[in-house]
Amino acid sequence: MAGTAELTNQTVDLLQALIRNQCVNDGTPESGQEVRNADLLATWLEGSGLDLQRYEPTPGRTSLVARIEGFDSSAPSLCLMGHTDVVPVSPEGWSRDPFGGELVDGEVWGRGAVDMLNLTAAQAVVFRSLADRGFRPRGDLIFFAVADEESGSAHGARWMADHEWDAIAADYVLTENGGLHSGNPDAPTIGMNVAEKGVAWRRLTVRGVPGHGSTPYRSDNALVKAAAVAQRLAGYSPDPHFHELWRAQVEAMGLPDEHRDQLLDEDRIDDYLAGLPRSPTGNGLAGHVHACTHTTFSPNVVVSPGKTNTIPDRVSLDVDIRTMPGDSTEEVAAHLREALGDLADEVETEILMDDSASSSRIDTALWDSLERAVNRPFPSARLNPQFIVGFTDSRVYREMGAVAYGAGLLSPAVSAGEFSRRFHGNDERIDVESLSLTAGLYLDVCEDLLG
């Protein structure tokens, strides 16, 4: 079996190759082209004696599944799931080629380095290493390299769950994205993602009367109304709502008692957030804490068929709505009515995505295995279950009854603020120490849970 140094070097090499394949998912059916990374991973796994299955619901949107059969049908199965697509990039904001996959000063640079090709590479390397040594797990061990996570899973995990569930079914799942250290360095807490907000993407369409752009006086301009709709959504913030993991997350921040108490008080948290300074590089702590405790509305895309000299008769806004536990389709509609006020009757609403918040319990054998694996390099650490504000393919597995965690293991030198800014941001990169720790984590969990 490969040693730690070899596993690390292999993970670095594979991550660089995955980045260079440029599987950019812009949300259109023809984008992504994850077939490139599926081919790469299939080549990596070939020769291991494993049966590889490919699934392509849409041309180029390929997912890959490999399996090491367990010998005990009553034992739990484990899936290592990593997505192979990445979000678009603006190269002018980068210090280096975003698809160069360069290794510079102990860090691998490139789009997808943290979201989540680093984990996908580590999973594939560990899976191949176990297969090469003839590992016989009690329950099935599955590697699932999945397409289309970045744009809602319709060509990936959602399609697989609806059409090929038996190929990917598992009791337990490890996917993106945990492993950040916080608190006392001598006895740190290390976050693992066990719950996430829901996603309720909506397309809001407003209509007007077409006309010539040279005579705008008293015109019924759909774009002007759409701008008012966007402004109201941007200014809308519903009351805070604390989930069951919030207290533990706040206590792990290591804040002064006065600040901690305000963050744990639904009557005071909004005033506390309003008083925090703005970050020059993003919305910082205030934005994160607000997203953890509120349903949020972000109008991000304008869709219009018009041209410069024509007053538009139809404009659509695509709104990214992230919901708290308990929010349903009806609650989202009520939020929109409240936010828009007298404009609500002017808006037609189309549901683009409508997945509820999801969570997994932690009184499981997988959680215990994760804790033991983390304690090998960090004996004094304890796990801290996290509620994340983004969405992952975990939600698909949770809907099917599986327990899914976002799990990695990062270097203690990686700061939470800097790490979060690299998600979908400029100069995305991951350090080699974190790659090594994550590969070790996956290896230890597989051996502990299934060995």
Protein backbone atom coordinates (compact mmCIF):
# COMPACT_ATOMS: atom_id res chain seq x y z
CA MET A 1 0.00 0.00 0.00
CA ALA A 2 1.19 3.51 -0.77
CA GLY A 3 2.75 5.46 2.10
CA THR A 4 1.65 8.89 3.28
CA ALA A 5 4.12 10.77 1.10
CA GLU A 6 3.13 8.81 -2.00
CA LEU A 7 -0.60 9.33 -1.34
CA THR A 8 0.05 13.06 -0.95
CA ASN A 9 2.07 13.29 -4.16
CA GLN A 10 -0.58 11.36 -6.06
CA THR A 11 -3.32 13.63 -4.71
CA VAL A 12 -1.39 16.73 -5.79
CA ASP A 13 -0.80 15.34 -9.28
CA LEU A 14 -4.41 14.27 -9.74
CA LEU A 15 -5.76 17.58 -8.44
CA GLN A 16 -3.58 19.50 -10.90
CA ALA A 17 -4.89 17.39 -13.78
CA LEU A 18 -8.53 17.81 -12.70
CA ILE A 19 -8.11 21.60 -12.55
CA ARG A 20 -6.53 21.72 -16.02
CA ASN A 21 -9.53 19.94 -17.57
CA GLN A 22 -11.60 23.12 -17.08
CA CYS A 23 -14.98 21.50 -16.44
CA VAL A 24 -16.72 24.87 -16.03
CA ASN A 25 -20.43 24.66 -15.26
CA ASP A 26 -22.27 27.89 -16.11
CA GLY A 27 -25.72 26.40 -15.59
CA THR A 28 -26.47 25.61 -19.23
CA PRO A 29 -27.01 21.96 -20.23
CA GLU A 30 -24.08 21.98 -22.64
CA SER A 31 -21.56 23.40 -20.15
CA GLY A 32 -19.53 21.47 -17.59
CA GLN A 33 -18.37 18.75 -19.93
CA GLU A 34 -17.45 16.69 -16.90
CA VAL A 35 -16.72 13.84 -19.30
CA ARG A 36 -13.13 15.16 -19.30
CA ASN A 37 -12.71 14.60 -15.58
CA ALA A 38 -14.67 11.34 -15.72
CA ASP A 39 -12.22 10.09 -18.37
CA LEU A 40 -9.28 11.20 -16.26
CA LEU A 41 -10.58 9.46 -13.14
CA ALA A 42 -11.45 6.32 -15.08
CA THR A 43 -7.88 6.21 -16.37
CA TRP A 44 -6.62 6.69 -12.82
CA LEU A 45 -8.73 3.78 -11.52
CA GLU A 46 -8.12 1.43 -14.45
CA GLY A 47 -5.91 -1.52 -13.60
CA SER A 48 -7.32 -1.78 -10.09
CA GLY A 49 -9.60 -4.63 -11.12
CA LEU A 50 -12.68 -2.59 -10.29
CA ASP A 51 -15.83 -2.38 -12.34
CA LEU A 52 -16.33 1.21 -13.50
CA GLN A 53 -19.76 2.43 -14.53
CA ARG A 54 -20.37 5.66 -16.47
CA TYR A 55 -23.65 7.57 -16.63
CA GLU A 56 -24.38 10.41 -19.06
CA PRO A 57 -27.96 11.74 -18.90
CA THR A 58 -26.92 14.72 -21.07
CA PRO A 59 -24.11 14.69 -23.66
CA GLY A 60 -20.82 15.44 -21.91
CA ARG A 61 -22.34 15.48 -18.41
CA THR A 62 -20.73 12.24 -17.28
CA SER A 63 -20.65 10.77 -13.77
CA LEU A 64 -18.44 7.83 -12.80
CA VAL A 65 -19.14 5.13 -10.20
CA ALA A 66 -16.68 2.53 -8.87
CA ARG A 67 -17.32 -0.02 -6.14
CA ILE A 68 -15.40 -2.37 -3.87
CA GLU A 69 -17.90 -5.03 -2.89
CA GLY A 70 -18.38 -5.75 0.80
CA PHE A 71 -18.46 -9.27 2.18
CA ASP A 72 -21.20 -8.67 4.78
CA SER A 73 -24.59 -7.70 3.41
CA SER A 74 -25.70 -6.49 6.85
CA ALA A 75 -22.80 -4.05 7.22
CA PRO A 76 -23.22 -0.36 6.38
CA SER A 77 -22.02 0.94 3.03
CA LEU A 78 -19.96 4.10 2.53
CA CYS A 79 -19.84 6.39 -0.49
CA LEU A 80 -17.02 8.84 -1.14
CA MET A 81 -18.73 11.43 -3.35
CA GLY A 82 -16.87 14.23 -5.10
CA HIS A 83 -18.15 16.53 -7.81
CA THR A 84 -16.04 17.16 -10.90
CA ASP A 85 -17.45 20.48 -12.15
CA VAL A 86 -16.33 23.98 -11.19
CA VAL A 87 -17.89 27.43 -11.34
CA PRO A 88 -16.96 30.05 -13.98
CA VAL A 89 -13.99 32.32 -13.42
CA SER A 90 -12.93 35.88 -14.25
CA PRO A 91 -9.23 35.46 -15.14
CA GLU A 92 -8.46 39.17 -14.82
CA GLY A 93 -9.00 38.89 -11.05
CA TRP A 94 -6.39 36.17 -10.63
CA SER A 95 -2.67 36.37 -9.89
CA ARG A 96 -2.07 33.14 -11.83
CA ASP A 97 -3.70 31.08 -14.58
CA PRO A 98 -6.94 29.82 -12.97
CA PHE A 99 -6.64 26.57 -14.92
CA GLY A 100 -2.88 26.16 -14.70
CA GLY A 101 -2.98 23.87 -11.68
CA GLU A 102 0.38 25.30 -10.60
CA LEU A 103 2.13 24.14 -7.43
CA VAL A 104 3.62 27.29 -5.90
CA ASP A 105 5.12 27.56 -2.39
CA GLY A 106 3.31 24.46 -1.19
CA GLU A 107 -0.11 25.38 -2.63
CA VAL A 108 -2.01 24.10 -5.67
CA TRP A 109 -3.65 27.00 -7.51
CA GLY A 110 -6.71 26.85 -9.72
CA ARG A 111 -10.46 26.94 -10.03
CA GLY A 112 -11.84 24.02 -8.04
CA ALA A 113 -8.81 23.70 -5.75
CA VAL A 114 -11.06 24.05 -2.70
CA ASP A 115 -14.50 23.50 -4.28
CA MET A 116 -14.11 20.56 -4.42
CA LEU A 117 -11.54 18.96 -6.69
CA ASN A 118 -9.13 18.70 -3.76
CA LEU A 119 -11.48 16.29 -2.00
CA THR A 120 -12.40 14.45 -5.19
CA ALA A 121 -8.71 13.85 -5.91
CA ALA A 122 -8.03 12.62 -2.36
CA GLN A 123 -11.03 10.28 -2.53
CA ALA A 124 -9.91 8.77 -5.83
CA VAL A 125 -6.33 8.28 -4.63
CA VAL A 126 -7.43 6.58 -1.40
CA PHE A 127 -9.98 4.44 -3.23
CA ARG A 128 -7.36 3.25 -5.74
CA SER A 129 -4.86 2.61 -2.95
CA LEU A 130 -7.34 0.43 -1.06
CA ALA A 131 -8.23 -1.48 -4.22
CA ASP A 132 -4.57 -2.07 -5.07
CA ARG A 133 -3.86 -3.64 -1.73
CA GLY A 134 -6.91 -5.93 -1.95
CA PHE A 135 -8.91 -4.23 0.79
CA ARG A 136 -12.02 -6.27 1.65
CA PRO A 137 -14.57 -4.02 3.33
CA ARG A 138 -17.40 -5.35 5.45
CA GLY A 139 -19.90 -3.17 3.59
CA ASP A 140 -19.63 -1.77 0.07
CA LEU A 141 -17.21 1.11 -0.53
CA ILE A 142 -18.32 3.35 -3.41
CA PHE A 143 -16.53 6.15 -5.22
CA PHE A 144 -18.96 8.51 -6.96
CA ALA A 145 -17.46 11.25 -9.15
CA VAL A 146 -20.55 13.29 -9.95
CA ALA A 147 -21.37 15.98 -12.50
CA ASP A 148 -23.41 19.17 -12.13
CA GLU A 149 -23.22 19.83 -8.40
CA GLU A 150 -22.54 23.51 -9.03
CA SER A 151 -25.83 24.17 -10.80
CA GLY A 152 -28.39 22.12 -8.93
CA SER A 153 -27.60 18.46 -9.74
CA ALA A 154 -30.14 17.95 -12.54
CA HIS A 155 -27.48 16.31 -14.72
CA GLY A 156 -25.77 14.61 -11.79
CA ALA A 157 -26.82 13.44 -8.32
CA ARG A 158 -30.49 14.35 -8.74
CA TRP A 159 -30.70 12.43 -12.01
CA MET A 160 -28.83 9.47 -10.53
CA ALA A 161 -31.14 9.32 -7.51
CA ASP A 162 -34.19 9.39 -9.78
CA HIS A 163 -32.95 6.92 -12.42
CA GLU A 164 -29.96 4.90 -11.16
CA TRP A 165 -30.30 4.90 -7.38
CA ASP A 166 -29.08 1.32 -6.94
CA ALA A 167 -25.75 2.31 -8.50
CA ILE A 168 -25.00 4.94 -5.85
CA ALA A 169 -27.12 3.92 -2.84
CA ALA A 170 -25.23 4.03 0.45
CA ASP A 171 -25.95 4.22 4.15
CA TYR A 172 -23.19 6.75 4.75
CA VAL A 173 -21.69 9.47 2.53
CA LEU A 174 -18.62 11.69 2.82
CA THR A 175 -18.49 14.73 0.55
CA GLU A 176 -17.71 18.45 0.78
CA ASN A 177 -16.55 20.31 2.88
CA GLY A 178 -15.28 20.20 6.47
CA GLY A 179 -12.05 20.28 8.39
CA LEU A 180 -11.51 23.89 9.54
CA HIS A 181 -9.93 24.42 12.96
CA SER A 182 -11.27 26.93 15.48
CA GLY A 183 -11.01 27.74 19.16
CA ASN A 184 -8.02 26.98 21.35
CA PRO A 185 -5.08 25.66 19.27
CA ASP A 186 -4.17 23.30 22.11
CA ALA A 187 -7.66 21.76 22.09
CA PRO A 188 -9.27 22.84 18.81
CA THR A 189 -12.71 22.14 17.49
CA ILE A 190 -12.77 20.89 13.91
CA GLY A 191 -15.92 21.48 11.93
CA MET A 192 -17.69 18.80 9.94
CA ASN A 193 -20.76 19.75 7.91
CA VAL A 194 -23.87 17.86 8.97
CA ALA A 195 -26.64 20.22 7.85
CA GLU A 196 -27.28 22.84 5.19
CA LYS A 197 -29.77 25.50 4.22
CA GLY A 198 -32.41 24.83 1.63
CA VAL A 199 -32.29 26.28 -1.87
CA ALA A 200 -35.37 27.88 -3.39
CA TRP A 201 -34.29 29.50 -6.64
CA ARG A 202 -37.06 31.56 -8.23
CA ARG A 203 -37.46 33.37 -11.54
CA LEU A 204 -39.52 36.52 -11.08
CA THR A 205 -40.95 37.99 -14.28
CA VAL A 206 -42.47 41.45 -14.65
CA ARG A 207 -44.25 42.70 -17.73
CA GLY A 208 -44.69 46.10 -19.34
CA VAL A 209 -45.67 47.62 -22.68
CA PRO A 210 -43.12 47.71 -25.52
CA GLY A 211 -42.25 50.99 -27.12
CA HIS A 212 -39.49 53.05 -28.71
CA GLY A 213 -36.62 53.97 -26.42
CA SER A 214 -36.68 57.56 -27.69
CA THR A 215 -40.02 58.26 -25.95
CA PRO A 216 -39.70 56.94 -22.37
CA TYR A 217 -42.04 59.49 -20.74
CA ARG A 218 -44.89 57.66 -18.93
CA SER A 219 -43.86 54.39 -20.51
CA ASP A 220 -44.58 51.04 -18.83
CA ASN A 221 -40.97 49.84 -18.77
CA ALA A 222 -40.58 46.27 -17.46
CA LEU A 223 -36.92 46.88 -16.63
CA VAL A 224 -37.76 49.82 -14.38
CA LYS A 225 -40.25 47.68 -12.49
CA ALA A 226 -37.74 44.84 -12.31
CA ALA A 227 -35.21 47.23 -10.80
CA ALA A 228 -37.71 48.15 -8.10
CA VAL A 229 -38.34 44.45 -7.43
CA ALA A 230 -34.59 43.80 -7.12
CA GLN A 231 -34.19 46.75 -4.75
CA ARG A 232 -36.94 45.53 -2.45
CA LEU A 233 -35.50 42.02 -2.34
CA ALA A 234 -32.04 43.38 -1.59
CA GLY A 235 -33.41 45.39 1.30
CA TYR A 236 -35.56 42.62 2.76
CA SER A 237 -34.44 40.67 5.80
CA PRO A 238 -36.88 38.47 7.68
CA ASP A 239 -36.60 37.85 11.38
CA PRO A 240 -33.71 35.66 12.54
CA HIS A 241 -34.30 31.99 13.17
CA PHE A 242 -31.83 29.85 15.12
CA HIS A 243 -31.28 26.21 14.20
CA GLU A 244 -30.31 23.54 16.70
CA LEU A 245 -26.58 23.70 15.88
CA TRP A 246 -26.27 27.47 16.20
CA ARG A 247 -25.21 27.60 19.87
CA ALA A 248 -22.35 25.15 19.33
CA GLN A 249 -21.20 27.07 16.24
CA VAL A 250 -21.16 30.37 18.12
CA GLU A 251 -19.33 28.92 21.11
CA ALA A 252 -16.68 27.47 18.78
CA MET A 253 -15.92 31.00 17.48
CA GLY A 254 -14.15 31.87 20.72
CA LEU A 255 -15.74 35.34 20.95
CA PRO A 256 -15.93 37.51 24.07
CA ASP A 257 -18.93 36.68 26.27
CA GLU A 258 -20.78 39.89 25.38
CA HIS A 259 -20.53 39.21 21.65
CA ARG A 260 -21.45 35.55 22.09
CA ASP A 261 -24.55 36.45 24.10
CA GLN A 262 -25.75 38.87 21.42
CA LEU A 263 -25.30 36.25 18.70
CA LEU A 264 -27.41 33.83 20.73
CA ASP A 265 -30.26 36.31 21.27
CA GLU A 266 -32.81 36.52 18.44
CA ASP A 267 -33.87 39.97 19.70
CA ARG A 268 -30.32 41.41 19.56
CA ILE A 269 -28.47 39.63 16.78
CA ASP A 270 -29.60 41.97 13.98
CA ASP A 271 -28.40 45.08 15.86
CA TYR A 272 -25.09 43.34 16.54
CA LEU A 273 -24.62 42.50 12.85
CA ALA A 274 -25.51 46.04 11.78
CA GLY A 275 -22.74 47.35 13.99
CA LEU A 276 -19.98 45.18 12.57
CA PRO A 277 -17.54 46.93 10.21
CA ARG A 278 -17.63 46.20 6.51
CA SER A 279 -14.86 43.98 5.16
CA PRO A 280 -12.89 45.36 2.18
CA THR A 281 -12.73 41.88 0.64
CA GLY A 282 -16.35 40.78 1.06
CA ASN A 283 -19.16 40.73 3.60
CA GLY A 284 -16.99 38.94 6.19
CA LEU A 285 -18.29 37.72 9.53
CA ALA A 286 -21.50 39.74 9.31
CA GLY A 287 -22.50 38.18 6.01
CA HIS A 288 -21.75 34.66 7.21
CA VAL A 289 -23.57 35.01 10.52
CA HIS A 290 -26.56 36.65 8.83
CA ALA A 291 -26.77 33.79 6.32
CA CYS A 292 -26.55 31.22 9.14
CA THR A 293 -29.55 32.73 10.92
CA HIS A 294 -31.84 34.16 8.23
CA THR A 295 -33.59 33.13 5.06
CA THR A 296 -31.79 35.18 2.40
CA PHE A 297 -32.70 36.67 -0.99
CA SER A 298 -30.14 37.57 -3.63
CA PRO A 299 -31.30 38.79 -7.08
CA ASN A 300 -28.36 37.75 -9.23
CA VAL A 301 -29.36 37.43 -12.91
CA VAL A 302 -31.37 39.65 -15.26
CA VAL A 303 -32.94 38.00 -18.31
CA SER A 304 -34.44 40.24 -21.01
CA PRO A 305 -35.04 39.75 -24.74
CA GLY A 306 -34.86 43.49 -25.44
CA LYS A 307 -32.43 45.77 -27.24
CA THR A 308 -31.08 49.25 -26.53
CA ASN A 309 -33.69 51.24 -28.47
CA THR A 310 -36.71 49.22 -27.36
CA ILE A 311 -38.61 49.63 -24.10
CA PRO A 312 -38.83 46.04 -22.81
CA ASP A 313 -42.18 44.40 -22.27
CA ARG A 314 -40.74 41.52 -20.22
CA VAL A 315 -37.82 41.21 -17.79
CA SER A 316 -36.99 38.30 -15.50
CA LEU A 317 -34.85 38.21 -12.37
CA ASP A 318 -33.31 34.97 -11.17
CA VAL A 319 -33.23 35.10 -7.38
CA ASP A 320 -31.08 32.87 -5.18
CA ILE A 321 -33.15 32.19 -2.06
CA ARG A 322 -31.61 30.13 0.75
CA THR A 323 -34.05 28.87 3.35
CA MET A 324 -33.80 27.96 7.02
CA PRO A 325 -35.02 24.64 8.45
CA GLY A 326 -38.81 24.60 8.45
CA ASP A 327 -39.24 26.95 5.49
CA SER A 328 -41.51 25.39 2.89
CA THR A 329 -42.60 26.44 -0.60
CA GLU A 330 -45.49 28.31 1.02
CA GLU A 331 -43.16 30.18 3.40
CA VAL A 332 -41.00 31.27 0.48
CA ALA A 333 -44.06 32.62 -1.31
CA ALA A 334 -45.12 34.48 1.83
CA HIS A 335 -41.63 36.00 2.17
CA LEU A 336 -41.78 37.21 -1.43
CA ARG A 337 -45.19 38.79 -0.91
CA GLU A 338 -43.95 40.58 2.20
CA ALA A 339 -40.74 41.76 0.55
CA LEU A 340 -42.44 43.05 -2.60
CA GLY A 341 -45.46 44.67 -0.98
CA ASP A 342 -47.62 46.42 -3.57
CA LEU A 343 -45.35 45.09 -6.36
CA ALA A 344 -46.22 41.47 -5.55
CA ASP A 345 -49.20 41.44 -7.91
CA GLU A 346 -46.95 42.66 -10.74
CA VAL A 347 -44.68 39.60 -10.49
CA GLU A 348 -45.02 36.13 -11.99
CA THR A 349 -43.06 33.48 -10.07
CA GLU A 350 -41.48 30.35 -11.55
CA ILE A 351 -39.82 27.72 -9.36
CA LEU A 352 -36.33 26.80 -10.60
CA MET A 353 -35.22 24.78 -7.55
CA ASP A 354 -37.10 23.93 -4.39
CA ASP A 355 -35.06 21.77 -2.02
CA SER A 356 -35.62 22.03 1.71
CA ALA A 357 -32.93 22.42 4.34
CA SER A 358 -31.44 19.06 5.30
CA SER A 359 -29.47 17.55 8.15
CA SER A 360 -27.93 14.28 9.33
CA ARG A 361 -27.76 13.03 12.90
CA ILE A 362 -24.35 12.54 14.52
CA ASP A 363 -25.04 9.55 16.78
CA THR A 364 -23.64 7.26 14.09
CA ALA A 365 -20.75 4.88 13.51
CA LEU A 366 -19.48 7.20 10.76
CA TRP A 367 -19.26 10.18 13.13
CA ASP A 368 -17.35 8.03 15.61
CA SER A 369 -14.96 6.92 12.85
CA LEU A 370 -14.42 10.53 11.79
CA GLU A 371 -13.60 11.50 15.35
CA ARG A 372 -11.05 8.72 15.71
CA ALA A 373 -9.50 9.60 12.35
CA VAL A 374 -9.19 13.28 13.26
CA ASN A 375 -7.65 12.41 16.62
CA ARG A 376 -4.76 10.59 14.97
CA PRO A 377 -3.05 13.80 13.81
CA PHE A 378 -4.84 16.03 16.37
CA PRO A 379 -5.28 14.04 19.62
CA SER A 380 -6.85 16.89 21.60
CA ALA A 381 -9.34 17.96 18.92
CA ARG A 382 -13.07 17.43 19.05
CA LEU A 383 -15.55 17.49 16.21
CA ASN A 384 -18.00 20.35 15.88
CA PRO A 385 -21.12 19.70 13.77
CA GLN A 386 -21.70 22.56 11.34
CA PHE A 387 -24.73 24.02 9.56
CA ILE A 388 -23.60 25.46 6.24
CA VAL A 389 -25.27 28.18 4.19
CA GLY A 390 -24.56 26.70 0.74
CA PHE A 391 -25.98 23.54 -0.76
CA THR A 392 -24.23 20.31 -1.71
CA ASP A 393 -25.27 16.97 -3.14
CA SER A 394 -25.61 15.77 0.46
CA ARG A 395 -29.22 16.93 0.31
CA VAL A 396 -30.00 14.36 -2.39
CA TYR A 397 -28.67 11.51 -0.28
CA ARG A 398 -30.41 12.78 2.85
CA GLU A 399 -33.72 12.80 1.00
CA MET A 400 -33.10 9.11 0.24
CA GLY A 401 -32.49 8.31 3.90
CA ALA A 402 -28.68 8.31 4.00
CA VAL A 403 -26.43 10.01 6.54
CA ALA A 404 -24.17 12.50 4.73
CA TYR A 405 -21.36 14.63 6.12
CA GLY A 406 -19.11 17.23 4.55
CA ALA A 407 -15.71 16.05 5.71
CA GLY A 408 -12.12 16.97 5.01
CA LEU A 409 -9.19 17.86 7.24
CA LEU A 410 -7.30 21.11 6.80
CA SER A 411 -4.05 22.43 8.15
CA PRO A 412 -4.41 24.43 11.38
CA ALA A 413 -2.71 27.29 9.51
CA VAL A 414 -5.74 27.72 7.19
CA SER A 415 -7.97 30.54 8.44
CA ALA A 416 -11.72 30.23 8.11
CA GLY A 417 -12.05 33.69 6.58
CA GLU A 418 -9.42 33.17 3.91
CA PHE A 419 -10.68 29.69 3.11
CA SER A 420 -14.27 30.89 2.64
CA ARG A 421 -13.14 33.71 0.35
CA ARG A 422 -11.56 31.17 -2.00
CA PHE A 423 -14.91 29.47 -2.65
CA HIS A 424 -16.00 30.77 -6.06
CA GLY A 425 -13.46 33.57 -5.60
CA ASN A 426 -10.20 34.80 -7.07
CA ASP A 427 -6.87 33.05 -6.46
CA GLU A 428 -8.47 29.82 -5.29
CA ARG A 429 -5.83 27.44 -3.93
CA ILE A 430 -5.20 24.69 -1.38
CA ASP A 431 -2.08 23.83 0.56
CA VAL A 432 -0.35 20.45 0.26
CA GLU A 433 -0.52 19.83 4.01
CA SER A 434 -4.32 19.97 3.86
CA LEU A 435 -4.33 17.58 0.89
CA SER A 436 -2.20 15.15 2.90
CA LEU A 437 -4.38 15.43 6.00
CA THR A 438 -7.56 14.91 3.99
CA ALA A 439 -6.25 11.83 2.19
CA GLY A 440 -5.20 10.43 5.55
CA LEU A 441 -8.63 11.15 6.99
CA TYR A 442 -10.44 9.29 4.20
CA LEU A 443 -8.08 6.34 4.45
CA ASP A 444 -8.47 6.05 8.22
CA VAL A 445 -12.29 6.33 8.08
CA CYS A 446 -12.58 3.66 5.37
CA GLU A 447 -10.39 1.25 7.33
CA ASP A 448 -12.05 2.03 10.68
CA LEU A 449 -15.67 1.90 9.52
CA LEU A 450 -15.46 -0.91 6.97
CA GLY A 451 -12.32 -2.81 7.93
